[in-house]
Amino acid sequence: MSWQTDRAMTPRQFKITIKMLGMTQAASARYLGVSERTAHRYVSGEAEVPASVALLLRSLIHHGEVPAAPKWAG
Protein backbone atom coordinates (compact mmCIF):
# COMPACT_ATOMS: atom_id res chain seq x y z
CA MET A 1 0.00 0.00 0.00
CA SER A 2 1.21 3.48 -0.84
CA TRP A 3 1.77 6.22 1.75
CA GLN A 4 -0.83 8.21 -0.20
CA THR A 5 -3.59 5.66 0.20
CA ASP A 6 -2.86 4.34 3.69
CA ARG A 7 -4.88 6.79 5.75
CA ALA A 8 -4.92 4.81 8.99
CA MET A 9 -2.15 5.12 11.56
CA THR A 10 -1.88 3.05 14.71
CA PRO A 11 -0.64 4.56 17.97
CA ARG A 12 2.64 2.67 17.54
CA GLN A 13 3.05 3.95 13.98
CA PHE A 14 2.41 7.52 15.17
CA LYS A 15 5.05 7.19 17.87
CA ILE A 16 7.60 5.70 15.44
CA THR A 17 6.82 8.27 12.77
CA ILE A 18 7.31 11.32 14.97
CA LYS A 19 10.54 9.78 16.28
CA MET A 20 11.75 9.24 12.69
CA LEU A 21 11.01 12.93 12.06
CA GLY A 22 13.06 13.92 15.11
CA MET A 23 10.09 15.23 17.07
CA THR A 24 8.96 14.70 20.63
CA GLN A 25 5.28 14.35 21.44
CA ALA A 26 5.26 18.00 22.52
CA ALA A 27 6.93 19.14 19.28
CA SER A 28 4.56 17.04 17.20
CA ALA A 29 1.62 18.65 18.99
CA ARG A 30 2.93 22.14 18.22
CA TYR A 31 3.61 21.20 14.59
CA LEU A 32 0.16 19.67 14.13
CA GLY A 33 -1.62 22.48 15.96
CA VAL A 34 -3.07 20.26 18.66
CA SER A 35 -2.60 20.13 22.41
CA GLU A 36 0.11 18.01 24.00
CA ARG A 37 -2.70 15.98 25.56
CA THR A 38 -4.06 15.18 22.09
CA ALA A 39 -0.63 14.00 20.89
CA HIS A 40 -0.40 11.86 24.02
CA ARG A 41 -3.84 10.43 23.25
CA TYR A 42 -2.67 9.51 19.72
CA VAL A 43 0.29 7.61 21.21
CA SER A 44 -1.74 5.91 23.93
CA GLY A 45 -4.57 4.92 21.61
CA GLU A 46 -7.16 6.98 23.48
CA ALA A 47 -7.79 8.95 20.28
CA GLU A 48 -7.64 7.87 16.66
CA VAL A 49 -4.95 9.53 14.56
CA PRO A 50 -6.84 11.57 11.93
CA ALA A 51 -6.27 10.60 8.30
CA SER A 52 -4.98 14.11 7.56
CA VAL A 53 -2.30 13.75 10.25
CA ALA A 54 -1.27 10.31 8.98
CA LEU A 55 -1.00 11.61 5.41
CA LEU A 56 0.95 14.72 6.43
CA LEU A 57 3.48 12.82 8.54
CA ARG A 58 3.97 10.12 5.91
CA SER A 59 4.36 12.78 3.22
CA LEU A 60 7.11 14.48 5.25
CA ILE A 61 9.01 11.20 5.49
CA HIS A 62 8.45 10.31 1.83
CA HIS A 63 9.77 13.67 0.65
CA GLY A 64 12.63 13.82 3.14
CA GLU A 65 11.30 16.98 4.75
CA VAL A 66 12.24 18.06 8.26
CA PRO A 67 9.29 19.56 10.13
CA ALA A 68 9.88 22.92 11.80
CA ALA A 69 7.79 22.83 14.95
CA PRO A 70 7.05 26.26 16.41
CA LYS A 71 8.74 27.01 19.70
CA TRP A 72 6.68 26.72 22.85
CA ALA A 73 5.18 30.12 23.66
CA GLY A 74 4.21 29.33 27.26
PDB file of N, CA and C in Angstrom:
ATOM      1  N   MET A   1       0.836  -1.181   0.000  1.00  0.00           N
ATOM      2  CA  MET A   1       0.000   0.000   0.000  1.00  0.00           C
ATOM      3  C   MET A   1       0.888   1.254   0.000  1.00  0.00           C
ATOM      4  N   SER A   2       0.464   2.235  -0.709  1.00  0.00           N
ATOM      5  CA  SER A   2       1.212   3.484  -0.844  1.00  0.00           C
ATOM      6  C   SER A   2       0.965   4.405   0.349  1.00  0.00           C
ATOM      7  N   TRP A   3       1.950   5.250   0.654  1.00  0.00           N
ATOM      8  CA  TRP A   3       1.774   6.219   1.750  1.00  0.00           C
ATOM      9  C   TRP A   3       0.601   7.146   1.450  1.00  0.00           C
ATOM     10  N   GLN A   4       0.262   7.320   0.171  1.00  0.00           N
ATOM     11  CA  GLN A   4      -0.831   8.214  -0.204  1.00  0.00           C
ATOM     12  C   GLN A   4      -2.209   7.605   0.007  1.00  0.00           C
ATOM     13  N   THR A   5      -2.282   6.299   0.039  1.00  0.00           N
ATOM     14  CA  THR A   5      -3.591   5.660   0.198  1.00  0.00           C
ATOM     15  C   THR A   5      -3.804   5.077   1.590  1.00  0.00           C
ATOM     16  N   ASP A   6      -2.739   4.891   2.344  1.00  0.00           N
ATOM     17  CA  ASP A   6      -2.862   4.345   3.693  1.00  0.00           C
ATOM     18  C   ASP A   6      -3.182   5.484   4.652  1.00  0.00           C
ATOM     19  N   ARG A   7      -4.444   5.660   4.948  1.00  0.00           N
ATOM     20  CA  ARG A   7      -4.882   6.795   5.746  1.00  0.00           C
ATOM     21  C   ARG A   7      -5.047   6.465   7.217  1.00  0.00           C
ATOM     22  N   ALA A   8      -4.825   5.211   7.580  1.00  0.00           N
ATOM     23  CA  ALA A   8      -4.917   4.814   8.988  1.00  0.00           C
ATOM     24  C   ALA A   8      -3.511   4.812   9.584  1.00  0.00           C
ATOM     25  N   MET A   9      -3.431   5.149  10.862  1.00  0.00           N
ATOM     26  CA  MET A   9      -2.150   5.124  11.559  1.00  0.00           C
ATOM     27  C   MET A   9      -2.406   4.647  12.977  1.00  0.00           C
ATOM     28  N   THR A  10      -1.718   3.578  13.360  1.00  0.00           N
ATOM     29  CA  THR A  10      -1.877   3.046  14.706  1.00  0.00           C
ATOM     30  C   THR A  10      -1.114   3.936  15.690  1.00  0.00           C
ATOM     31  N   PRO A  11      -1.413   3.805  16.970  1.00  0.00           N
ATOM     32  CA  PRO A  11      -0.641   4.558  17.967  1.00  0.00           C
ATOM     33  C   PRO A  11       0.861   4.284  17.861  1.00  0.00           C
ATOM     34  N   ARG A  12       1.225   3.028  17.669  1.00  0.00           N
ATOM     35  CA  ARG A  12       2.640   2.666  17.542  1.00  0.00           C
ATOM     36  C   ARG A  12       3.261   3.322  16.318  1.00  0.00           C
ATOM     37  N   GLN A  13       2.539   3.318  15.194  1.00  0.00           N
ATOM     38  CA  GLN A  13       3.045   3.951  13.978  1.00  0.00           C
ATOM     39  C   GLN A  13       3.219   5.459  14.178  1.00  0.00           C
ATOM     40  N   PHE A  14       2.288   6.089  14.885  1.00  0.00           N
ATOM     41  CA  PHE A  14       2.406   7.518  15.167  1.00  0.00           C
ATOM     42  C   PHE A  14       3.670   7.786  15.962  1.00  0.00           C
ATOM     43  N   LYS A  15       3.878   7.007  17.006  1.00  0.00           N
ATOM     44  CA  LYS A  15       5.051   7.190  17.865  1.00  0.00           C
ATOM     45  C   LYS A  15       6.345   7.006  17.071  1.00  0.00           C
ATOM     46  N   ILE A  16       6.410   5.968  16.259  1.00  0.00           N
ATOM     47  CA  ILE A  16       7.597   5.700  15.445  1.00  0.00           C
ATOM     48  C   ILE A  16       7.806   6.807  14.416  1.00  0.00           C
ATOM     49  N   THR A  17       6.736   7.257  13.818  1.00  0.00           N
ATOM     50  CA  THR A  17       6.822   8.273  12.769  1.00  0.00           C
ATOM     51  C   THR A  17       7.347   9.598  13.310  1.00  0.00           C
ATOM     52  N   ILE A  18       6.811  10.043  14.445  1.00  0.00           N
ATOM     53  CA  ILE A  18       7.306  11.324  14.972  1.00  0.00           C
ATOM     54  C   ILE A  18       8.765  11.190  15.422  1.00  0.00           C
ATOM     55  N   LYS A  19       9.132  10.000  15.897  1.00  0.00           N
ATOM     56  CA  LYS A  19      10.538   9.780  16.281  1.00  0.00           C
ATOM     57  C   LYS A  19      11.425   9.830  15.041  1.00  0.00           C
ATOM     58  N   MET A  20      10.986   9.213  13.946  1.00  0.00           N
ATOM     59  CA  MET A  20      11.746   9.245  12.693  1.00  0.00           C
ATOM     60  C   MET A  20      11.928  10.677  12.199  1.00  0.00           C
ATOM     61  N   LEU A  21      10.947  11.534  12.484  1.00  0.00           N
ATOM     62  CA  LEU A  21      11.009  12.927  12.061  1.00  0.00           C
ATOM     63  C   LEU A  21      11.775  13.799  13.052  1.00  0.00           C
ATOM     64  N   GLY A  22      12.266  13.184  14.131  1.00  0.00           N
ATOM     65  CA  GLY A  22      13.062  13.916  15.114  1.00  0.00           C
ATOM     66  C   GLY A  22      12.241  14.785  16.044  1.00  0.00           C
ATOM     67  N   MET A  23      10.974  14.432  16.213  1.00  0.00           N
ATOM     68  CA  MET A  23      10.094  15.232  17.072  1.00  0.00           C
ATOM     69  C   MET A  23       9.716  14.479  18.340  1.00  0.00           C
ATOM     70  N   THR A  24       9.545  15.235  19.404  1.00  0.00           N
ATOM     71  CA  THR A  24       8.963  14.698  20.629  1.00  0.00           C
ATOM     72  C   THR A  24       7.447  14.784  20.487  1.00  0.00           C
ATOM     73  N   GLN A  25       6.736  14.210  21.455  1.00  0.00           N
ATOM     74  CA  GLN A  25       5.277  14.350  21.440  1.00  0.00           C
ATOM     75  C   GLN A  25       4.878  15.816  21.518  1.00  0.00           C
ATOM     76  N   ALA A  26       5.578  16.575  22.358  1.00  0.00           N
ATOM     77  CA  ALA A  26       5.259  17.997  22.516  1.00  0.00           C
ATOM     78  C   ALA A  26       5.510  18.752  21.213  1.00  0.00           C
ATOM     79  N   ALA A  27       6.628  18.473  20.553  1.00  0.00           N
ATOM     80  CA  ALA A  27       6.929  19.144  19.285  1.00  0.00           C
ATOM     81  C   ALA A  27       5.928  18.745  18.209  1.00  0.00           C
ATOM     82  N   SER A  28       5.541  17.480  18.196  1.00  0.00           N
ATOM     83  CA  SER A  28       4.557  17.042  17.201  1.00  0.00           C
ATOM     84  C   SER A  28       3.229  17.743  17.431  1.00  0.00           C
ATOM     85  N   ALA A  29       2.865  17.945  18.678  1.00  0.00           N
ATOM     86  CA  ALA A  29       1.618  18.655  18.990  1.00  0.00           C
ATOM     87  C   ALA A  29       1.674  20.082  18.458  1.00  0.00           C
ATOM     88  N   ARG A  30       2.793  20.773  18.709  1.00  0.00           N
ATOM     89  CA  ARG A  30       2.926  22.143  18.216  1.00  0.00           C
ATOM     90  C   ARG A  30       2.889  22.181  16.693  1.00  0.00           C
ATOM     91  N   TYR A  31       3.573  21.241  16.054  1.00  0.00           N
ATOM     92  CA  TYR A  31       3.611  21.199  14.587  1.00  0.00           C
ATOM     93  C   TYR A  31       2.224  20.949  14.007  1.00  0.00           C
ATOM     94  N   LEU A  32       1.485  20.048  14.639  1.00  0.00           N
ATOM     95  CA  LEU A  32       0.164  19.670  14.130  1.00  0.00           C
ATOM     96  C   LEU A  32      -0.941  20.632  14.557  1.00  0.00           C
ATOM     97  N   GLY A  33      -0.622  21.528  15.496  1.00  0.00           N
ATOM     98  CA  GLY A  33      -1.623  22.484  15.956  1.00  0.00           C
ATOM     99  C   GLY A  33      -2.646  21.887  16.899  1.00  0.00           C
ATOM    100  N   VAL A  34      -2.195  20.893  17.668  1.00  0.00           N
ATOM    101  CA  VAL A  34      -3.073  20.264  18.660  1.00  0.00           C
ATOM    102  C   VAL A  34      -2.420  20.393  20.034  1.00  0.00           C
ATOM    103  N   SER A  35      -3.163  20.058  21.063  1.00  0.00           N
ATOM    104  CA  SER A  35      -2.600  20.127  22.411  1.00  0.00           C
ATOM    105  C   SER A  35      -1.655  18.940  22.639  1.00  0.00           C
ATOM    106  N   GLU A  36      -0.783  19.113  23.634  1.00  0.00           N
ATOM    107  CA  GLU A  36       0.109  18.008  23.997  1.00  0.00           C
ATOM    108  C   GLU A  36      -0.711  16.806  24.442  1.00  0.00           C
ATOM    109  N   ARG A  37      -1.814  17.060  25.108  1.00  0.00           N
ATOM    110  CA  ARG A  37      -2.702  15.981  25.562  1.00  0.00           C
ATOM    111  C   ARG A  37      -3.217  15.185  24.354  1.00  0.00           C
ATOM    112  N   THR A  38      -3.564  15.869  23.286  1.00  0.00           N
ATOM    113  CA  THR A  38      -4.059  15.180  22.089  1.00  0.00           C
ATOM    114  C   THR A  38      -2.967  14.305  21.489  1.00  0.00           C
ATOM    115  N   ALA A  39      -1.745  14.818  21.404  1.00  0.00           N
ATOM    116  CA  ALA A  39      -0.632  14.005  20.888  1.00  0.00           C
ATOM    117  C   ALA A  39      -0.425  12.784  21.779  1.00  0.00           C
ATOM    118  N   HIS A  40      -0.530  12.979  23.087  1.00  0.00           N
ATOM    119  CA  HIS A  40      -0.400  11.860  24.020  1.00  0.00           C
ATOM    120  C   HIS A  40      -1.521  10.841  23.773  1.00  0.00           C
ATOM    121  N   ARG A  41      -2.708  11.329  23.512  1.00  0.00           N
ATOM    122  CA  ARG A  41      -3.841  10.430  23.246  1.00  0.00           C
ATOM    123  C   ARG A  41      -3.648   9.651  21.951  1.00  0.00           C
ATOM    124  N   TYR A  42      -2.986  10.246  20.949  1.00  0.00           N
ATOM    125  CA  TYR A  42      -2.665   9.506  19.719  1.00  0.00           C
ATOM    126  C   TYR A  42      -1.717   8.353  20.035  1.00  0.00           C
ATOM    127  N   VAL A  43      -0.702   8.624  20.858  1.00  0.00           N
ATOM    128  CA  VAL A  43       0.293   7.606  21.206  1.00  0.00           C
ATOM    129  C   VAL A  43      -0.306   6.511  22.079  1.00  0.00           C
ATOM    130  N   SER A  44      -1.167   6.893  23.006  1.00  0.00           N
ATOM    131  CA  SER A  44      -1.736   5.908  23.933  1.00  0.00           C
ATOM    132  C   SER A  44      -2.898   5.122  23.335  1.00  0.00           C
ATOM    133  N   GLY A  45      -3.432   5.593  22.219  1.00  0.00           N
ATOM    134  CA  GLY A  45      -4.568   4.916  21.609  1.00  0.00           C
ATOM    135  C   GLY A  45      -5.913   5.403  22.117  1.00  0.00           C
ATOM    136  N   GLU A  46      -5.894   6.415  22.974  1.00  0.00           N
ATOM    137  CA  GLU A  46      -7.157   6.977  23.480  1.00  0.00           C
ATOM    138  C   GLU A  46      -7.902   7.747  22.397  1.00  0.00           C
ATOM    139  N   ALA A  47      -7.180   8.231  21.396  1.00  0.00           N
ATOM    140  CA  ALA A  47      -7.786   8.951  20.277  1.00  0.00           C
ATOM    141  C   ALA A  47      -7.227   8.396  18.979  1.00  0.00           C
ATOM    142  N   GLU A  48      -8.064   8.349  17.973  1.00  0.00           N
ATOM    143  CA  GLU A  48      -7.644   7.873  16.665  1.00  0.00           C
ATOM    144  C   GLU A  48      -6.843   8.972  15.970  1.00  0.00           C
ATOM    145  N   VAL A  49      -5.754   8.576  15.330  1.00  0.00           N
ATOM    146  CA  VAL A  49      -4.951   9.530  14.564  1.00  0.00           C
ATOM    147  C   VAL A  49      -5.753   9.885  13.308  1.00  0.00           C
ATOM    148  N   PRO A  50      -6.065  11.176  13.113  1.00  0.00           N
ATOM    149  CA  PRO A  50      -6.837  11.569  11.932  1.00  0.00           C
ATOM    150  C   PRO A  50      -6.095  11.231  10.640  1.00  0.00           C
ATOM    151  N   ALA A  51      -6.864  10.927   9.602  1.00  0.00           N
ATOM    152  CA  ALA A  51      -6.271  10.595   8.303  1.00  0.00           C
ATOM    153  C   ALA A  51      -5.384  11.730   7.804  1.00  0.00           C
ATOM    154  N   SER A  52      -5.784  12.972   8.036  1.00  0.00           N
ATOM    155  CA  SER A  52      -4.984  14.110   7.564  1.00  0.00           C
ATOM    156  C   SER A  52      -3.620  14.143   8.238  1.00  0.00           C
ATOM    157  N   VAL A  53      -3.562  13.789   9.513  1.00  0.00           N
ATOM    158  CA  VAL A  53      -2.296  13.752  10.247  1.00  0.00           C
ATOM    159  C   VAL A  53      -1.422  12.622   9.711  1.00  0.00           C
ATOM    160  N   ALA A  54      -2.017  11.455   9.511  1.00  0.00           N
ATOM    161  CA  ALA A  54      -1.266  10.314   8.982  1.00  0.00           C
ATOM    162  C   ALA A  54      -0.672  10.653   7.618  1.00  0.00           C
ATOM    163  N   LEU A  55      -1.478  11.251   6.743  1.00  0.00           N
ATOM    164  CA  LEU A  55      -0.995  11.607   5.409  1.00  0.00           C
ATOM    165  C   LEU A  55       0.107  12.659   5.469  1.00  0.00           C
ATOM    166  N   LEU A  56      -0.065  13.672   6.309  1.00  0.00           N
ATOM    167  CA  LEU A  56       0.952  14.723   6.430  1.00  0.00           C
ATOM    168  C   LEU A  56       2.280  14.147   6.907  1.00  0.00           C
ATOM    169  N   LEU A  57       2.243  13.365   7.987  1.00  0.00           N
ATOM    170  CA  LEU A  57       3.481  12.820   8.537  1.00  0.00           C
ATOM    171  C   LEU A  57       4.172  11.877   7.558  1.00  0.00           C
ATOM    172  N   ARG A  58       3.384  11.039   6.890  1.00  0.00           N
ATOM    173  CA  ARG A  58       3.971  10.115   5.908  1.00  0.00           C
ATOM    174  C   ARG A  58       4.534  10.868   4.707  1.00  0.00           C
ATOM    175  N   SER A  59       3.876  11.953   4.326  1.00  0.00           N
ATOM    176  CA  SER A  59       4.365  12.777   3.222  1.00  0.00           C
ATOM    177  C   SER A  59       5.709  13.405   3.572  1.00  0.00           C
ATOM    178  N   LEU A  60       5.847  13.898   4.806  1.00  0.00           N
ATOM    179  CA  LEU A  60       7.115  14.480   5.245  1.00  0.00           C
ATOM    180  C   LEU A  60       8.244  13.466   5.120  1.00  0.00           C
ATOM    181  N   ILE A  61       7.987  12.244   5.572  1.00  0.00           N
ATOM    182  CA  ILE A  61       9.007  11.199   5.495  1.00  0.00           C
ATOM    183  C   ILE A  61       9.317  10.866   4.037  1.00  0.00           C
ATOM    184  N   HIS A  62       8.278  10.679   3.240  1.00  0.00           N
ATOM    185  CA  HIS A  62       8.451  10.306   1.832  1.00  0.00           C
ATOM    186  C   HIS A  62       9.292  11.334   1.077  1.00  0.00           C
ATOM    187  N   HIS A  63       9.072  12.605   1.363  1.00  0.00           N
ATOM    188  CA  HIS A  63       9.765  13.672   0.646  1.00  0.00           C
ATOM    189  C   HIS A  63      11.047  14.130   1.340  1.00  0.00           C
ATOM    190  N   GLY A  64      11.400  13.485   2.448  1.00  0.00           N
ATOM    191  CA  GLY A  64      12.631  13.818   3.145  1.00  0.00           C
ATOM    192  C   GLY A  64      12.621  15.196   3.785  1.00  0.00           C
ATOM    193  N   GLU A  65      11.440  15.659   4.139  1.00  0.00           N
ATOM    194  CA  GLU A  65      11.303  16.981   4.747  1.00  0.00           C
ATOM    195  C   GLU A  65      11.520  16.900   6.257  1.00  0.00           C
ATOM    196  N   VAL A  66      12.052  17.958   6.821  1.00  0.00           N
ATOM    197  CA  VAL A  66      12.241  18.056   8.264  1.00  0.00           C
ATOM    198  C   VAL A  66      11.225  19.067   8.780  1.00  0.00           C
ATOM    199  N   PRO A  67      10.312  18.626   9.648  1.00  0.00           N
ATOM    200  CA  PRO A  67       9.292  19.561  10.130  1.00  0.00           C
ATOM    201  C   PRO A  67       9.912  20.615  11.056  1.00  0.00           C
ATOM    202  N   ALA A  68       9.419  21.815  10.935  1.00  0.00           N
ATOM    203  CA  ALA A  68       9.876  22.917  11.800  1.00  0.00           C
ATOM    204  C   ALA A  68       8.751  23.243  12.768  1.00  0.00           C
ATOM    205  N   ALA A  69       8.811  22.605  13.931  1.00  0.00           N
ATOM    206  CA  ALA A  69       7.790  22.831  14.948  1.00  0.00           C
ATOM    207  C   ALA A  69       7.993  24.197  15.587  1.00  0.00           C
ATOM    208  N   PRO A  70       6.918  24.969  15.747  1.00  0.00           N
ATOM    209  CA  PRO A  70       7.054  26.258  16.411  1.00  0.00           C
ATOM    210  C   PRO A  70       7.555  26.086  17.839  1.00  0.00           C
ATOM    211  N   LYS A  71       8.273  27.060  18.329  1.00  0.00           N
ATOM    212  CA  LYS A  71       8.741  27.008  19.705  1.00  0.00           C
ATOM    213  C   LYS A  71       7.568  27.178  20.655  1.00  0.00           C
ATOM    214  N   TRP A  72       7.711  26.617  21.833  1.00  0.00           N
ATOM    215  CA  TRP A  72       6.681  26.722  22.846  1.00  0.00           C
ATOM    216  C   TRP A  72       6.584  28.176  23.300  1.00  0.00           C
ATOM    217  N   ALA A  73       5.376  28.712  23.335  1.00  0.00           N
ATOM    218  CA  ALA A  73       5.184  30.122  23.663  1.00  0.00           C
ATOM    219  C   ALA A  73       4.703  30.321  25.094  1.00  0.00           C
ATOM    220  N   GLY A  74       4.749  29.263  25.899  1.00  0.00           N
ATOM    221  CA  GLY A  74       4.214  29.326  27.256  1.00  0.00           C
ATOM    222  C   GLY A  74       5.105  30.036  28.167  1.00  0.00           C
TER     223      GLY A  74
END
